[in-house]
PDB file of N, CA and C in Angstrom:
ATOM      1  N   MET A   1     126.655  87.679 122.668  1.00  0.00           N
ATOM      2  CA  MET A   1     126.572  87.492 121.224  1.00  0.00           C
ATOM      3  C   MET A   1     125.863  88.394 120.842  1.00  0.00           C
ATOM      4  N   ARG A   2     126.123  89.495 119.620  1.00  0.00           N
ATOM      5  CA  ARG A   2     125.726  90.648 119.307  1.00  0.00           C
ATOM      6  C   ARG A   2     125.235  90.186 117.723  1.00  0.00           C
ATOM      7  N   ASN A   3     124.578  90.367 117.149  1.00  0.00           N
ATOM      8  CA  ASN A   3     124.217  89.971 115.856  1.00  0.00           C
ATOM      9  C   ASN A   3     125.108  89.052 115.147  1.00  0.00           C
ATOM     10  N   GLY A   4     124.953  87.788 116.170  1.00  0.00           N
ATOM     11  CA  GLY A   4     125.184  86.861 115.643  1.00  0.00           C
ATOM     12  C   GLY A   4     126.694  86.370 115.407  1.00  0.00           C
ATOM     13  N   LEU A   5     127.541  87.234 116.266  1.00  0.00           N
ATOM     14  CA  LEU A   5     129.123  87.591 116.396  1.00  0.00           C
ATOM     15  C   LEU A   5     129.676  87.106 117.828  1.00  0.00           C
ATOM     16  N   GLY A   6     130.095  86.544 118.408  1.00  0.00           N
ATOM     17  CA  GLY A   6     130.561  86.230 119.709  1.00  0.00           C
ATOM     18  C   GLY A   6     132.233  86.620 119.212  1.00  0.00           C
ATOM     19  N   LEU A   7     132.781  86.769 120.643  1.00  0.00           N
ATOM     20  CA  LEU A   7     133.899  87.267 120.839  1.00  0.00           C
ATOM     21  C   LEU A   7     134.791  86.435 121.563  1.00  0.00           C
ATOM     22  N   LEU A   8     136.006  86.030 121.762  1.00  0.00           N
ATOM     23  CA  LEU A   8     136.549  85.251 123.052  1.00  0.00           C
ATOM     24  C   LEU A   8     137.681  85.959 123.116  1.00  0.00           C
ATOM     25  N   LEU A   9     138.415  86.095 124.479  1.00  0.00           N
ATOM     26  CA  LEU A   9     139.683  87.000 124.735  1.00  0.00           C
ATOM     27  C   LEU A   9     140.605  85.993 124.482  1.00  0.00           C
ATOM     28  N   VAL A  10     141.953  86.191 124.520  1.00  0.00           N
ATOM     29  CA  VAL A  10     143.063  85.716 123.975  1.00  0.00           C
ATOM     30  C   VAL A  10     143.484  84.648 124.787  1.00  0.00           C
ATOM     31  N   ASP A  11     142.748  84.680 125.974  1.00  0.00           N
ATOM     32  CA  ASP A  11     143.290  83.425 127.108  1.00  0.00           C
ATOM     33  C   ASP A  11     142.044  82.451 127.280  1.00  0.00           C
ATOM     34  N   ALA A  12     141.177  82.514 126.583  1.00  0.00           N
ATOM     35  CA  ALA A  12     140.113  81.932 127.007  1.00  0.00           C
ATOM     36  C   ALA A  12     140.099  80.224 126.774  1.00  0.00           C
ATOM     37  N   PRO A  13     139.596  79.533 127.587  1.00  0.00           N
ATOM     38  CA  PRO A  13     139.726  78.313 127.643  1.00  0.00           C
ATOM     39  C   PRO A  13     139.330  77.588 126.280  1.00  0.00           C
ATOM     40  N   LEU A  14     140.334  76.653 125.583  1.00  0.00           N
ATOM     41  CA  LEU A  14     139.818  76.225 124.255  1.00  0.00           C
ATOM     42  C   LEU A  14     138.630  75.389 124.372  1.00  0.00           C
ATOM     43  N   MET A  15     138.230  74.795 125.240  1.00  0.00           N
ATOM     44  CA  MET A  15     136.915  74.110 125.418  1.00  0.00           C
ATOM     45  C   MET A  15     135.854  74.809 124.678  1.00  0.00           C
ATOM     46  N   GLU A  16     136.108  76.255 125.250  1.00  0.00           N
ATOM     47  CA  GLU A  16     134.983  77.324 124.652  1.00  0.00           C
ATOM     48  C   GLU A  16     134.777  77.208 123.017  1.00  0.00           C
ATOM     49  N   ILE A  17     136.295  77.431 122.544  1.00  0.00           N
ATOM     50  CA  ILE A  17     136.413  77.155 120.889  1.00  0.00           C
ATOM     51  C   ILE A  17     135.768  75.756 120.330  1.00  0.00           C
ATOM     52  N   PHE A  18     135.958  74.529 121.064  1.00  0.00           N
ATOM     53  CA  PHE A  18     135.651  73.457 120.885  1.00  0.00           C
ATOM     54  C   PHE A  18     134.451  72.969 120.623  1.00  0.00           C
ATOM     55  N   ARG A  19     133.547  73.895 121.541  1.00  0.00           N
ATOM     56  CA  ARG A  19     132.405  73.895 121.845  1.00  0.00           C
ATOM     57  C   ARG A  19     131.325  74.273 120.598  1.00  0.00           C
ATOM     58  N   ALA A  20     131.981  75.491 120.379  1.00  0.00           N
ATOM     59  CA  ALA A  20     131.543  76.262 119.364  1.00  0.00           C
ATOM     60  C   ALA A  20     131.381  75.723 118.044  1.00  0.00           C
ATOM     61  N   LEU A  21     132.775  75.105 117.985  1.00  0.00           N
ATOM     62  CA  LEU A  21     132.940  74.022 116.443  1.00  0.00           C
ATOM     63  C   LEU A  21     131.902  72.577 116.567  1.00  0.00           C
ATOM     64  N   HIS A  22     131.971  72.382 117.735  1.00  0.00           N
ATOM     65  CA  HIS A  22     131.041  71.033 117.728  1.00  0.00           C
ATOM     66  C   HIS A  22     129.645  71.797 117.333  1.00  0.00           C
ATOM     67  N   GLN A  23     129.002  72.934 117.581  1.00  0.00           N
ATOM     68  CA  GLN A  23     127.746  73.522 117.460  1.00  0.00           C
ATOM     69  C   GLN A  23     127.738  73.904 116.138  1.00  0.00           C
ATOM     70  N   GLY A  24     128.389  73.982 115.232  1.00  0.00           N
ATOM     71  CA  GLY A  24     128.837  73.920 113.900  1.00  0.00           C
ATOM     72  C   GLY A  24     129.115  75.625 113.412  1.00  0.00           C
ATOM     73  N   GLU A  25     129.432  76.193 114.566  1.00  0.00           N
ATOM     74  CA  GLU A  25     129.659  77.325 114.227  1.00  0.00           C
ATOM     75  C   GLU A  25     131.005  78.201 113.956  1.00  0.00           C
ATOM     76  N   VAL A  26     131.041  79.065 113.298  1.00  0.00           N
ATOM     77  CA  VAL A  26     132.329  79.457 112.492  1.00  0.00           C
ATOM     78  C   VAL A  26     133.515  80.071 113.439  1.00  0.00           C
ATOM     79  N   VAL A  27     134.441  79.515 113.871  1.00  0.00           N
ATOM     80  CA  VAL A  27     135.490  80.123 114.250  1.00  0.00           C
ATOM     81  C   VAL A  27     136.757  80.761 113.627  1.00  0.00           C
ATOM     82  N   GLY A  28     137.136  81.848 113.533  1.00  0.00           N
ATOM     83  CA  GLY A  28     137.944  82.831 113.279  1.00  0.00           C
ATOM     84  C   GLY A  28     139.400  82.968 114.229  1.00  0.00           C
ATOM     85  N   LEU A  29     140.479  82.591 113.880  1.00  0.00           N
ATOM     86  CA  LEU A  29     141.463  83.017 114.573  1.00  0.00           C
ATOM     87  C   LEU A  29     142.630  84.346 114.862  1.00  0.00           C
ATOM     88  N   ALA A  30     142.635  85.171 114.907  1.00  0.00           N
ATOM     89  CA  ALA A  30     143.687  86.230 114.954  1.00  0.00           C
ATOM     90  C   ALA A  30     144.992  85.935 114.788  1.00  0.00           C
ATOM     91  N   THR A  31     145.678  85.558 113.764  1.00  0.00           N
ATOM     92  CA  THR A  31     147.141  85.330 114.485  1.00  0.00           C
ATOM     93  C   THR A  31     147.918  86.055 113.768  1.00  0.00           C
ATOM     94  N   ASP A  32     147.949  87.547 113.464  1.00  0.00           N
ATOM     95  CA  ASP A  32     148.849  88.358 112.858  1.00  0.00           C
ATOM     96  C   ASP A  32     150.136  88.789 113.589  1.00  0.00           C
ATOM     97  N   ARG A  33     149.592  88.754 114.882  1.00  0.00           N
ATOM     98  CA  ARG A  33     151.199  89.091 116.005  1.00  0.00           C
ATOM     99  C   ARG A  33     150.777  88.232 117.151  1.00  0.00           C
ATOM    100  N   ASP A  34     151.917  88.205 117.783  1.00  0.00           N
ATOM    101  CA  ASP A  34     152.104  87.329 119.246  1.00  0.00           C
ATOM    102  C   ASP A  34     151.887  88.337 120.542  1.00  0.00           C
ATOM    103  N   VAL A  35     150.401  88.457 121.175  1.00  0.00           N
ATOM    104  CA  VAL A  35     150.313  89.342 121.936  1.00  0.00           C
ATOM    105  C   VAL A  35     150.838  88.632 123.533  1.00  0.00           C
ATOM    106  N   THR A  36     150.722  87.530 123.460  1.00  0.00           N
ATOM    107  CA  THR A  36     151.159  86.844 124.619  1.00  0.00           C
ATOM    108  C   THR A  36     152.630  86.677 124.766  1.00  0.00           C
ATOM    109  N   GLU A  37     153.422  86.804 123.968  1.00  0.00           N
ATOM    110  CA  GLU A  37     154.802  87.009 123.744  1.00  0.00           C
ATOM    111  C   GLU A  37     155.044  85.431 124.046  1.00  0.00           C
ATOM    112  N   GLY A  38     154.371  84.563 123.495  1.00  0.00           N
ATOM    113  CA  GLY A  38     154.609  83.179 123.897  1.00  0.00           C
ATOM    114  C   GLY A  38     155.027  82.151 122.574  1.00  0.00           C
ATOM    115  N   GLY A  39     155.276  83.213 121.686  1.00  0.00           N
ATOM    116  CA  GLY A  39     155.110  82.145 120.113  1.00  0.00           C
ATOM    117  C   GLY A  39     156.694  82.233 120.027  1.00  0.00           C
ATOM    118  N   VAL A  40     157.305  81.755 118.673  1.00  0.00           N
ATOM    119  CA  VAL A  40     158.368  81.297 118.018  1.00  0.00           C
ATOM    120  C   VAL A  40     159.361  82.334 117.427  1.00  0.00           C
ATOM    121  N   VAL A  41     160.037  82.724 117.987  1.00  0.00           N
ATOM    122  CA  VAL A  41     160.798  83.389 116.459  1.00  0.00           C
ATOM    123  C   VAL A  41     161.313  82.896 115.313  1.00  0.00           C
ATOM    124  N   MET A  42     161.002  83.670 114.184  1.00  0.00           N
ATOM    125  CA  MET A  42     160.957  83.121 112.600  1.00  0.00           C
ATOM    126  C   MET A  42     161.689  83.967 112.295  1.00  0.00           C
ATOM    127  N   PRO A  43     162.287  83.946 110.637  1.00  0.00           N
ATOM    128  CA  PRO A  43     162.396  84.976 109.886  1.00  0.00           C
ATOM    129  C   PRO A  43     160.808  85.357 108.885  1.00  0.00           C
ATOM    130  N   PHE A  44     160.868  86.433 109.108  1.00  0.00           N
ATOM    131  CA  PHE A  44     159.968  87.219 108.352  1.00  0.00           C
ATOM    132  C   PHE A  44     160.066  88.554 107.373  1.00  0.00           C
ATOM    133  N   PHE A  45     160.174  88.242 106.443  1.00  0.00           N
ATOM    134  CA  PHE A  45     160.670  89.216 105.423  1.00  0.00           C
ATOM    135  C   PHE A  45     162.157  89.520 105.941  1.00  0.00           C
ATOM    136  N   GLY A  46     163.091  88.606 105.813  1.00  0.00           N
ATOM    137  CA  GLY A  46     164.167  88.703 106.137  1.00  0.00           C
ATOM    138  C   GLY A  46     164.473  89.409 107.781  1.00  0.00           C
ATOM    139  N   LYS A  47     163.703  89.370 108.402  1.00  0.00           N
ATOM    140  CA  LYS A  47     163.987  90.272 109.701  1.00  0.00           C
ATOM    141  C   LYS A  47     163.216  89.172 110.715  1.00  0.00           C
ATOM    142  N   PRO A  48     164.105  88.594 112.076  1.00  0.00           N
ATOM    143  CA  PRO A  48     163.228  87.852 113.096  1.00  0.00           C
ATOM    144  C   PRO A  48     161.909  88.658 113.723  1.00  0.00           C
ATOM    145  N   THR A  49     160.940  87.812 113.495  1.00  0.00           N
ATOM    146  CA  THR A  49     159.946  87.950 114.405  1.00  0.00           C
ATOM    147  C   THR A  49     159.070  87.486 115.122  1.00  0.00           C
ATOM    148  N   ARG A  50     158.654  87.530 116.451  1.00  0.00           N
ATOM    149  CA  ARG A  50     157.952  86.707 117.103  1.00  0.00           C
ATOM    150  C   ARG A  50     156.373  86.585 116.576  1.00  0.00           C
ATOM    151  N   LEU A  51     156.123  84.923 116.230  1.00  0.00           N
ATOM    152  CA  LEU A  51     155.007  84.961 115.715  1.00  0.00           C
ATOM    153  C   LEU A  51     153.874  84.007 116.373  1.00  0.00           C
ATOM    154  N   PRO A  52     152.675  84.091 116.945  1.00  0.00           N
ATOM    155  CA  PRO A  52     152.330  83.377 117.500  1.00  0.00           C
ATOM    156  C   PRO A  52     151.743  81.828 116.962  1.00  0.00           C
ATOM    157  N   ASP A  53     152.275  80.856 117.822  1.00  0.00           N
ATOM    158  CA  ASP A  53     152.191  79.364 117.213  1.00  0.00           C
ATOM    159  C   ASP A  53     150.935  78.494 118.090  1.00  0.00           C
ATOM    160  N   GLY A  54     150.179  79.389 118.857  1.00  0.00           N
ATOM    161  CA  GLY A  54     148.410  78.839 119.223  1.00  0.00           C
ATOM    162  C   GLY A  54     147.877  78.301 117.860  1.00  0.00           C
ATOM    163  N   ALA A  55     147.739  78.762 116.846  1.00  0.00           N
ATOM    164  CA  ALA A  55     146.539  78.697 115.866  1.00  0.00           C
ATOM    165  C   ALA A  55     147.224  77.367 115.356  1.00  0.00           C
ATOM    166  N   VAL A  56     148.517  76.798 115.104  1.00  0.00           N
ATOM    167  CA  VAL A  56     149.290  75.896 114.880  1.00  0.00           C
ATOM    168  C   VAL A  56     148.948  74.649 115.773  1.00  0.00           C
ATOM    169  N   LYS A  57     149.069  74.836 117.087  1.00  0.00           N
ATOM    170  CA  LYS A  57     148.737  74.068 118.125  1.00  0.00           C
ATOM    171  C   LYS A  57     147.406  73.547 118.175  1.00  0.00           C
ATOM    172  N   PHE A  58     146.538  74.546 118.055  1.00  0.00           N
ATOM    173  CA  PHE A  58     145.135  74.472 118.314  1.00  0.00           C
ATOM    174  C   PHE A  58     144.695  73.493 116.964  1.00  0.00           C
ATOM    175  N   ALA A  59     144.788  73.885 115.561  1.00  0.00           N
ATOM    176  CA  ALA A  59     144.701  72.782 114.333  1.00  0.00           C
ATOM    177  C   ALA A  59     145.180  71.059 114.218  1.00  0.00           C
ATOM    178  N   TYR A  60     146.392  70.982 114.720  1.00  0.00           N
ATOM    179  CA  TYR A  60     147.258  69.703 115.231  1.00  0.00           C
ATOM    180  C   TYR A  60     146.494  68.935 116.203  1.00  0.00           C
ATOM    181  N   ARG A  61     145.772  69.869 117.520  1.00  0.00           N
ATOM    182  CA  ARG A  61     144.929  69.283 118.399  1.00  0.00           C
ATOM    183  C   ARG A  61     143.520  68.851 117.802  1.00  0.00           C
ATOM    184  N   TRP A  62     142.958  69.700 117.221  1.00  0.00           N
ATOM    185  CA  TRP A  62     141.689  69.487 116.519  1.00  0.00           C
ATOM    186  C   TRP A  62     141.322  68.521 115.561  1.00  0.00           C
ATOM    187  N   CYS A  63     142.364  68.328 114.230  1.00  0.00           N
ATOM    188  CA  CYS A  63     142.648  67.194 113.803  1.00  0.00           C
ATOM    189  C   CYS A  63     143.036  66.134 113.886  1.00  0.00           C
ATOM    190  N   CYS A  64     144.167  66.085 114.929  1.00  0.00           N
ATOM    191  CA  CYS A  64     144.403  64.934 114.912  1.00  0.00           C
ATOM    192  C   CYS A  64     144.805  64.079 116.374  1.00  0.00           C
TER     193      CYS A  64
END
Protein backbone atom coordinates (compact mmCIF):
# COMPACT_ATOMS: atom_id res chain seq x y z
CA MET A 1 0.00 0.00 0.00
CA ARG A 2 1.30 3.41 -0.93
CA ASN A 3 -0.35 6.73 -0.08
CA GLY A 4 -3.36 4.83 1.21
CA LEU A 5 -3.98 3.07 -2.10
CA GLY A 6 -3.60 -0.66 -2.54
CA LEU A 7 -3.96 -2.54 -5.82
CA LEU A 8 -4.94 -6.14 -6.44
CA LEU A 9 -4.19 -8.11 -9.56
CA VAL A 10 -7.05 -9.25 -11.79
CA ASP A 11 -6.71 -12.82 -10.52
CA ALA A 12 -6.55 -11.91 -6.82
CA PRO A 13 -8.65 -14.10 -4.52
CA LEU A 14 -12.10 -12.69 -3.77
CA MET A 15 -11.35 -13.05 -0.08
CA GLU A 16 -8.90 -10.14 -0.34
CA ILE A 17 -11.69 -7.92 -1.65
CA PHE A 18 -14.14 -9.12 1.01
CA ARG A 19 -11.51 -8.51 3.71
CA ALA A 20 -11.07 -4.91 2.52
CA LEU A 21 -14.82 -4.31 2.53
CA HIS A 22 -15.23 -5.78 6.00
CA GLN A 23 -12.50 -3.41 7.22
CA GLY A 24 -14.40 -0.43 5.81
CA GLU A 25 -12.05 0.17 2.90
CA VAL A 26 -13.25 1.42 -0.48
CA VAL A 27 -13.05 -1.06 -3.35
CA GLY A 28 -13.12 -0.04 -7.01
CA LEU A 29 -13.45 -2.52 -9.84
CA ALA A 30 -12.20 -1.72 -13.33
CA THR A 31 -14.76 -3.31 -15.61
CA ASP A 32 -14.28 -1.46 -18.86
CA ARG A 33 -12.77 -4.39 -20.76
CA ASP A 34 -12.56 -8.14 -20.44
CA VAL A 35 -8.87 -8.88 -19.91
CA THR A 36 -9.47 -12.50 -18.92
CA GLU A 37 -11.66 -13.30 -21.95
CA GLY A 38 -14.07 -15.05 -19.59
CA GLY A 39 -16.94 -12.59 -19.92
CA VAL A 40 -20.05 -12.56 -22.03
CA VAL A 41 -20.65 -11.21 -25.53
CA MET A 42 -23.29 -8.47 -25.59
CA PRO A 43 -24.29 -5.72 -27.98
CA PHE A 44 -22.43 -2.51 -27.21
CA PHE A 45 -23.18 0.47 -29.42
CA GLY A 46 -24.62 -1.94 -31.98
CA LYS A 47 -21.62 -4.26 -32.16
CA PRO A 48 -20.97 -7.54 -30.34
CA THR A 49 -18.48 -6.90 -27.55
CA ARG A 50 -17.08 -9.16 -24.86
CA LEU A 51 -17.70 -7.58 -21.47
CA PRO A 52 -16.52 -8.84 -18.08
CA ASP A 53 -19.18 -10.41 -15.90
CA GLY A 54 -17.08 -10.55 -12.75
CA ALA A 55 -18.39 -7.31 -11.24
CA VAL A 56 -21.97 -8.53 -11.54
CA LYS A 57 -21.13 -11.90 -10.00
CA PHE A 58 -19.18 -10.18 -7.23
CA ALA A 59 -22.01 -7.74 -6.43
CA TYR A 60 -24.53 -10.58 -6.31
CA ARG A 61 -22.32 -12.65 -4.04
CA TRP A 62 -21.60 -9.68 -1.77
CA CYS A 63 -25.18 -8.55 -1.28
CA CYS A 64 -27.28 -11.72 -1.64
